[in-house]
Amino acid sequence: MGEIAVVAAYGLDTGHSHLPDGVRPLCPVDYRLVGQWVNGGTEPISMSYPFPIEIPWSALQF
């Protein structure tokens, strides 16, 4: 049986920090790591935004 070792969640960041005058970002949006879960712990994968979700590690076995 296979196991997933790590699950990562990313969120889209549409803002950026203040840059000097005349400097523009090449890409005005970026994905940021907002959650990470490592298999082997007792906590399920869970987030509340944008909607509540909870996934037990046993559901990810294949």
PDB file of N, CA and C in Angstrom:
ATOM      1  N   MET A   1       0.853  -1.178   0.000  1.00  0.00           N
ATOM      2  CA  MET A   1       0.000   0.000   0.000  1.00  0.00           C
ATOM      3  C   MET A   1       0.894   1.234   0.000  1.00  0.00           C
ATOM      4  N   GLY A   2       0.564   2.225  -0.798  1.00  0.00           N
ATOM      5  CA  GLY A   2       1.346   3.454  -0.872  1.00  0.00           C
ATOM      6  C   GLY A   2       0.894   4.470   0.151  1.00  0.00           C
ATOM      7  N   GLU A   3       1.771   5.386   0.437  1.00  0.00           N
ATOM      8  CA  GLU A   3       1.447   6.450   1.376  1.00  0.00           C
ATOM      9  C   GLU A   3       1.890   7.796   0.813  1.00  0.00           C
ATOM     10  N   ILE A   4       1.123   8.784   1.120  1.00  0.00           N
ATOM     11  CA  ILE A   4       1.498  10.162   0.796  1.00  0.00           C
ATOM     12  C   ILE A   4       2.253  10.688   2.001  1.00  0.00           C
ATOM     13  N   ALA A   5       3.432  11.250   1.787  1.00  0.00           N
ATOM     14  CA  ALA A   5       4.281  11.695   2.894  1.00  0.00           C
ATOM     15  C   ALA A   5       3.926  13.096   3.382  1.00  0.00           C
ATOM     16  N   VAL A   6       3.623  14.005   2.457  1.00  0.00           N
ATOM     17  CA  VAL A   6       3.376  15.398   2.817  1.00  0.00           C
ATOM     18  C   VAL A   6       2.257  15.953   1.942  1.00  0.00           C
ATOM     19  N   VAL A   7       1.391  16.757   2.543  1.00  0.00           N
ATOM     20  CA  VAL A   7       0.370  17.494   1.800  1.00  0.00           C
ATOM     21  C   VAL A   7       0.624  18.976   2.050  1.00  0.00           C
ATOM     22  N   ALA A   8       0.661  19.754   0.992  1.00  0.00           N
ATOM     23  CA  ALA A   8       0.881  21.195   1.100  1.00  0.00           C
ATOM     24  C   ALA A   8      -0.291  21.933   0.469  1.00  0.00           C
ATOM     25  N   ALA A   9      -0.673  23.047   1.064  1.00  0.00           N
ATOM     26  CA  ALA A   9      -1.747  23.886   0.530  1.00  0.00           C
ATOM     27  C   ALA A   9      -1.167  25.262   0.212  1.00  0.00           C
ATOM     28  N   TYR A  10      -1.584  25.810  -0.910  1.00  0.00           N
ATOM     29  CA  TYR A  10      -1.106  27.116  -1.356  1.00  0.00           C
ATOM     30  C   TYR A  10      -2.273  28.069  -1.542  1.00  0.00           C
ATOM     31  N   GLY A  11      -2.050  29.341  -1.263  1.00  0.00           N
ATOM     32  CA  GLY A  11      -3.050  30.374  -1.479  1.00  0.00           C
ATOM     33  C   GLY A  11      -2.509  31.406  -2.450  1.00  0.00           C
ATOM     34  N   LEU A  12      -3.383  31.993  -3.220  1.00  0.00           N
ATOM     35  CA  LEU A  12      -2.986  32.999  -4.211  1.00  0.00           C
ATOM     36  C   LEU A  12      -2.876  34.366  -3.539  1.00  0.00           C
ATOM     37  N   ASP A  13      -1.694  34.929  -3.558  1.00  0.00           N
ATOM     38  CA  ASP A  13      -1.419  36.249  -2.991  1.00  0.00           C
ATOM     39  C   ASP A  13      -1.462  37.258  -4.131  1.00  0.00           C
ATOM     40  N   THR A  14      -2.415  38.184  -4.080  1.00  0.00           N
ATOM     41  CA  THR A  14      -2.582  39.146  -5.177  1.00  0.00           C
ATOM     42  C   THR A  14      -1.956  40.505  -4.880  1.00  0.00           C
ATOM     43  N   GLY A  15      -1.332  40.650  -3.736  1.00  0.00           N
ATOM     44  CA  GLY A  15      -0.666  41.906  -3.404  1.00  0.00           C
ATOM     45  C   GLY A  15       0.836  41.709  -3.392  1.00  0.00           C
ATOM     46  N   HIS A  16       1.551  42.788  -3.274  1.00  0.00           N
ATOM     47  CA  HIS A  16       3.005  42.677  -3.169  1.00  0.00           C
ATOM     48  C   HIS A  16       3.495  43.792  -2.263  1.00  0.00           C
ATOM     49  N   SER A  17       4.709  43.664  -1.792  1.00  0.00           N
ATOM     50  CA  SER A  17       5.273  44.682  -0.910  1.00  0.00           C
ATOM     51  C   SER A  17       5.564  45.961  -1.682  1.00  0.00           C
ATOM     52  N   HIS A  18       5.848  47.004  -0.954  1.00  0.00           N
ATOM     53  CA  HIS A  18       6.167  48.286  -1.578  1.00  0.00           C
ATOM     54  C   HIS A  18       7.493  48.186  -2.328  1.00  0.00           C
ATOM     55  N   LEU A  19       7.480  48.581  -3.550  1.00  0.00           N
ATOM     56  CA  LEU A  19       8.687  48.572  -4.381  1.00  0.00           C
ATOM     57  C   LEU A  19       9.100  50.005  -4.684  1.00  0.00           C
ATOM     58  N   PRO A  20      10.376  50.237  -4.964  1.00  0.00           N
ATOM     59  CA  PRO A  20      10.818  51.598  -5.308  1.00  0.00           C
ATOM     60  C   PRO A  20      10.093  52.111  -6.555  1.00  0.00           C
ATOM     61  N   ASP A  21      10.010  53.424  -6.672  1.00  0.00           N
ATOM     62  CA  ASP A  21       9.371  54.036  -7.835  1.00  0.00           C
ATOM     63  C   ASP A  21      10.014  53.527  -9.122  1.00  0.00           C
ATOM     64  N   GLY A  22       9.188  53.189 -10.089  1.00  0.00           N
ATOM     65  CA  GLY A  22       9.671  52.721 -11.379  1.00  0.00           C
ATOM     66  C   GLY A  22       9.929  51.229 -11.447  1.00  0.00           C
ATOM     67  N   VAL A  23       9.873  50.535 -10.317  1.00  0.00           N
ATOM     68  CA  VAL A  23      10.101  49.081 -10.303  1.00  0.00           C
ATOM     69  C   VAL A  23       8.742  48.398 -10.271  1.00  0.00           C
ATOM     70  N   ARG A  24       8.521  47.509 -11.203  1.00  0.00           N
ATOM     71  CA  ARG A  24       7.260  46.768 -11.291  1.00  0.00           C
ATOM     72  C   ARG A  24       7.557  45.279 -11.252  1.00  0.00           C
ATOM     73  N   PRO A  25       6.746  44.501 -10.540  1.00  0.00           N
ATOM     74  CA  PRO A  25       6.968  43.050 -10.520  1.00  0.00           C
ATOM     75  C   PRO A  25       6.659  42.448 -11.886  1.00  0.00           C
ATOM     76  N   LEU A  26       7.393  41.424 -12.259  1.00  0.00           N
ATOM     77  CA  LEU A  26       7.113  40.741 -13.529  1.00  0.00           C
ATOM     78  C   LEU A  26       5.779  40.019 -13.469  1.00  0.00           C
ATOM     79  N   CYS A  27       5.451  39.510 -12.312  1.00  0.00           N
ATOM     80  CA  CYS A  27       4.183  38.818 -12.118  1.00  0.00           C
ATOM     81  C   CYS A  27       3.533  39.403 -10.857  1.00  0.00           C
ATOM     82  N   PRO A  28       2.386  40.070 -10.971  1.00  0.00           N
ATOM     83  CA  PRO A  28       1.800  40.747  -9.820  1.00  0.00           C
ATOM     84  C   PRO A  28       1.141  39.814  -8.802  1.00  0.00           C
ATOM     85  N   VAL A  29       1.057  38.529  -9.096  1.00  0.00           N
ATOM     86  CA  VAL A  29       0.472  37.567  -8.150  1.00  0.00           C
ATOM     87  C   VAL A  29       1.450  36.421  -7.940  1.00  0.00           C
ATOM     88  N   ASP A  30       1.277  35.733  -6.813  1.00  0.00           N
ATOM     89  CA  ASP A  30       2.170  34.630  -6.491  1.00  0.00           C
ATOM     90  C   ASP A  30       1.439  33.671  -5.564  1.00  0.00           C
ATOM     91  N   TYR A  31       1.790  32.402  -5.631  1.00  0.00           N
ATOM     92  CA  TYR A  31       1.234  31.422  -4.708  1.00  0.00           C
ATOM     93  C   TYR A  31       2.129  31.317  -3.498  1.00  0.00           C
ATOM     94  N   ARG A  32       1.519  31.315  -2.305  1.00  0.00           N
ATOM     95  CA  ARG A  32       2.241  31.228  -1.036  1.00  0.00           C
ATOM     96  C   ARG A  32       1.810  29.976  -0.292  1.00  0.00           C
ATOM     97  N   LEU A  33       2.765  29.341   0.363  1.00  0.00           N
ATOM     98  CA  LEU A  33       2.469  28.170   1.184  1.00  0.00           C
ATOM     99  C   LEU A  33       1.659  28.612   2.395  1.00  0.00           C
ATOM    100  N   VAL A  34       0.466  28.035   2.580  1.00  0.00           N
ATOM    101  CA  VAL A  34      -0.402  28.423   3.695  1.00  0.00           C
ATOM    102  C   VAL A  34      -0.665  27.275   4.668  1.00  0.00           C
ATOM    103  N   GLY A  35      -0.252  26.083   4.304  1.00  0.00           N
ATOM    104  CA  GLY A  35      -0.429  24.942   5.198  1.00  0.00           C
ATOM    105  C   GLY A  35       0.392  23.767   4.730  1.00  0.00           C
ATOM    106  N   GLN A  36       0.889  22.989   5.703  1.00  0.00           N
ATOM    107  CA  GLN A  36       1.660  21.790   5.359  1.00  0.00           C
ATOM    108  C   GLN A  36       1.458  20.755   6.461  1.00  0.00           C
ATOM    109  N   TRP A  37       1.184  19.524   6.055  1.00  0.00           N
ATOM    110  CA  TRP A  37       0.945  18.436   6.983  1.00  0.00           C
ATOM    111  C   TRP A  37       1.844  17.275   6.616  1.00  0.00           C
ATOM    112  N   VAL A  38       2.458  16.669   7.626  1.00  0.00           N
ATOM    113  CA  VAL A  38       3.371  15.548   7.423  1.00  0.00           C
ATOM    114  C   VAL A  38       2.697  14.283   7.935  1.00  0.00           C
ATOM    115  N   ASN A  39       2.683  13.252   7.106  1.00  0.00           N
ATOM    116  CA  ASN A  39       2.080  11.978   7.475  1.00  0.00           C
ATOM    117  C   ASN A  39       2.805  11.399   8.681  1.00  0.00           C
ATOM    118  N   GLY A  40       2.071  10.718   9.521  1.00  0.00           N
ATOM    119  CA  GLY A  40       2.645  10.102  10.707  1.00  0.00           C
ATOM    120  C   GLY A  40       2.198  10.779  11.985  1.00  0.00           C
ATOM    121  N   GLY A  41       1.646  11.966  11.845  1.00  0.00           N
ATOM    122  CA  GLY A  41       1.141  12.668  13.020  1.00  0.00           C
ATOM    123  C   GLY A  41      -0.265  12.205  13.347  1.00  0.00           C
ATOM    124  N   THR A  42      -0.791  12.711  14.424  1.00  0.00           N
ATOM    125  CA  THR A  42      -2.146  12.328  14.825  1.00  0.00           C
ATOM    126  C   THR A  42      -3.197  13.294  14.293  1.00  0.00           C
ATOM    127  N   GLU A  43      -2.756  14.457  13.824  1.00  0.00           N
ATOM    128  CA  GLU A  43      -3.694  15.468  13.327  1.00  0.00           C
ATOM    129  C   GLU A  43      -4.086  15.192  11.880  1.00  0.00           C
ATOM    130  N   PRO A  44      -5.379  15.275  11.557  1.00  0.00           N
ATOM    131  CA  PRO A  44      -5.793  15.157  10.150  1.00  0.00           C
ATOM    132  C   PRO A  44      -5.440  16.432   9.394  1.00  0.00           C
ATOM    133  N   ILE A  45      -5.535  16.367   8.094  1.00  0.00           N
ATOM    134  CA  ILE A  45      -5.361  17.547   7.253  1.00  0.00           C
ATOM    135  C   ILE A  45      -6.650  18.361   7.386  1.00  0.00           C
ATOM    136  N   SER A  46      -6.529  19.590   7.845  1.00  0.00           N
ATOM    137  CA  SER A  46      -7.757  20.385   8.013  1.00  0.00           C
ATOM    138  C   SER A  46      -7.465  21.865   7.775  1.00  0.00           C
ATOM    139  N   MET A  47      -8.437  22.515   7.164  1.00  0.00           N
ATOM    140  CA  MET A  47      -8.401  23.961   6.922  1.00  0.00           C
ATOM    141  C   MET A  47      -9.826  24.479   7.057  1.00  0.00           C
ATOM    142  N   SER A  48      -9.957  25.750   7.359  1.00  0.00           N
ATOM    143  CA  SER A  48     -11.292  26.332   7.483  1.00  0.00           C
ATOM    144  C   SER A  48     -11.621  27.313   6.358  1.00  0.00           C
ATOM    145  N   TYR A  49     -10.615  27.671   5.561  1.00  0.00           N
ATOM    146  CA  TYR A  49     -10.836  28.655   4.503  1.00  0.00           C
ATOM    147  C   TYR A  49     -10.406  28.080   3.167  1.00  0.00           C
ATOM    148  N   PRO A  50     -11.102  28.219   2.107  1.00  0.00           N
ATOM    149  CA  PRO A  50     -12.321  28.993   1.899  1.00  0.00           C
ATOM    150  C   PRO A  50     -13.579  28.262   2.352  1.00  0.00           C
ATOM    151  N   PHE A  51     -13.433  27.009   2.765  1.00  0.00           N
ATOM    152  CA  PHE A  51     -14.540  26.254   3.340  1.00  0.00           C
ATOM    153  C   PHE A  51     -13.923  25.217   4.272  1.00  0.00           C
ATOM    154  N   PRO A  52     -14.664  24.775   5.287  1.00  0.00           N
ATOM    155  CA  PRO A  52     -14.100  23.793   6.210  1.00  0.00           C
ATOM    156  C   PRO A  52     -13.897  22.436   5.533  1.00  0.00           C
ATOM    157  N   ILE A  53     -12.719  21.864   5.747  1.00  0.00           N
ATOM    158  CA  ILE A  53     -12.418  20.536   5.206  1.00  0.00           C
ATOM    159  C   ILE A  53     -11.501  19.819   6.178  1.00  0.00           C
ATOM    160  N   GLU A  54     -11.740  18.526   6.360  1.00  0.00           N
ATOM    161  CA  GLU A  54     -10.890  17.697   7.203  1.00  0.00           C
ATOM    162  C   GLU A  54     -10.725  16.340   6.525  1.00  0.00           C
ATOM    163  N   ILE A  55      -9.481  15.925   6.316  1.00  0.00           N
ATOM    164  CA  ILE A  55      -9.185  14.672   5.631  1.00  0.00           C
ATOM    165  C   ILE A  55      -8.281  13.836   6.521  1.00  0.00           C
ATOM    166  N   PRO A  56      -8.731  12.646   6.942  1.00  0.00           N
ATOM    167  CA  PRO A  56      -7.845  11.781   7.718  1.00  0.00           C
ATOM    168  C   PRO A  56      -6.783  11.172   6.790  1.00  0.00           C
ATOM    169  N   TRP A  57      -5.616  10.918   7.343  1.00  0.00           N
ATOM    170  CA  TRP A  57      -4.530  10.337   6.540  1.00  0.00           C
ATOM    171  C   TRP A  57      -4.931   8.995   5.952  1.00  0.00           C
ATOM    172  N   SER A  58      -5.782   8.253   6.640  1.00  0.00           N
ATOM    173  CA  SER A  58      -6.195   6.935   6.146  1.00  0.00           C
ATOM    174  C   SER A  58      -6.958   7.059   4.814  1.00  0.00           C
ATOM    175  N   ALA A  59      -7.589   8.196   4.561  1.00  0.00           N
ATOM    176  CA  ALA A  59      -8.321   8.400   3.307  1.00  0.00           C
ATOM    177  C   ALA A  59      -7.380   8.615   2.122  1.00  0.00           C
ATOM    178  N   LEU A  60      -6.103   8.852   2.394  1.00  0.00           N
ATOM    179  CA  LEU A  60      -5.135   9.124   1.324  1.00  0.00           C
ATOM    180  C   LEU A  60      -4.265   7.921   0.990  1.00  0.00           C
ATOM    181  N   GLN A  61      -4.523   6.806   1.631  1.00  0.00           N
ATOM    182  CA  GLN A  61      -3.755   5.599   1.326  1.00  0.00           C
ATOM    183  C   GLN A  61      -4.259   5.006   0.022  1.00  0.00           C
ATOM    184  N   PHE A  62      -3.339   4.451  -0.741  1.00  0.00           N
ATOM    185  CA  PHE A  62      -3.724   3.794  -2.001  1.00  0.00           C
ATOM    186  C   PHE A  62      -2.923   2.539  -2.181  1.00  0.00           C
TER     187      PHE A  62
END
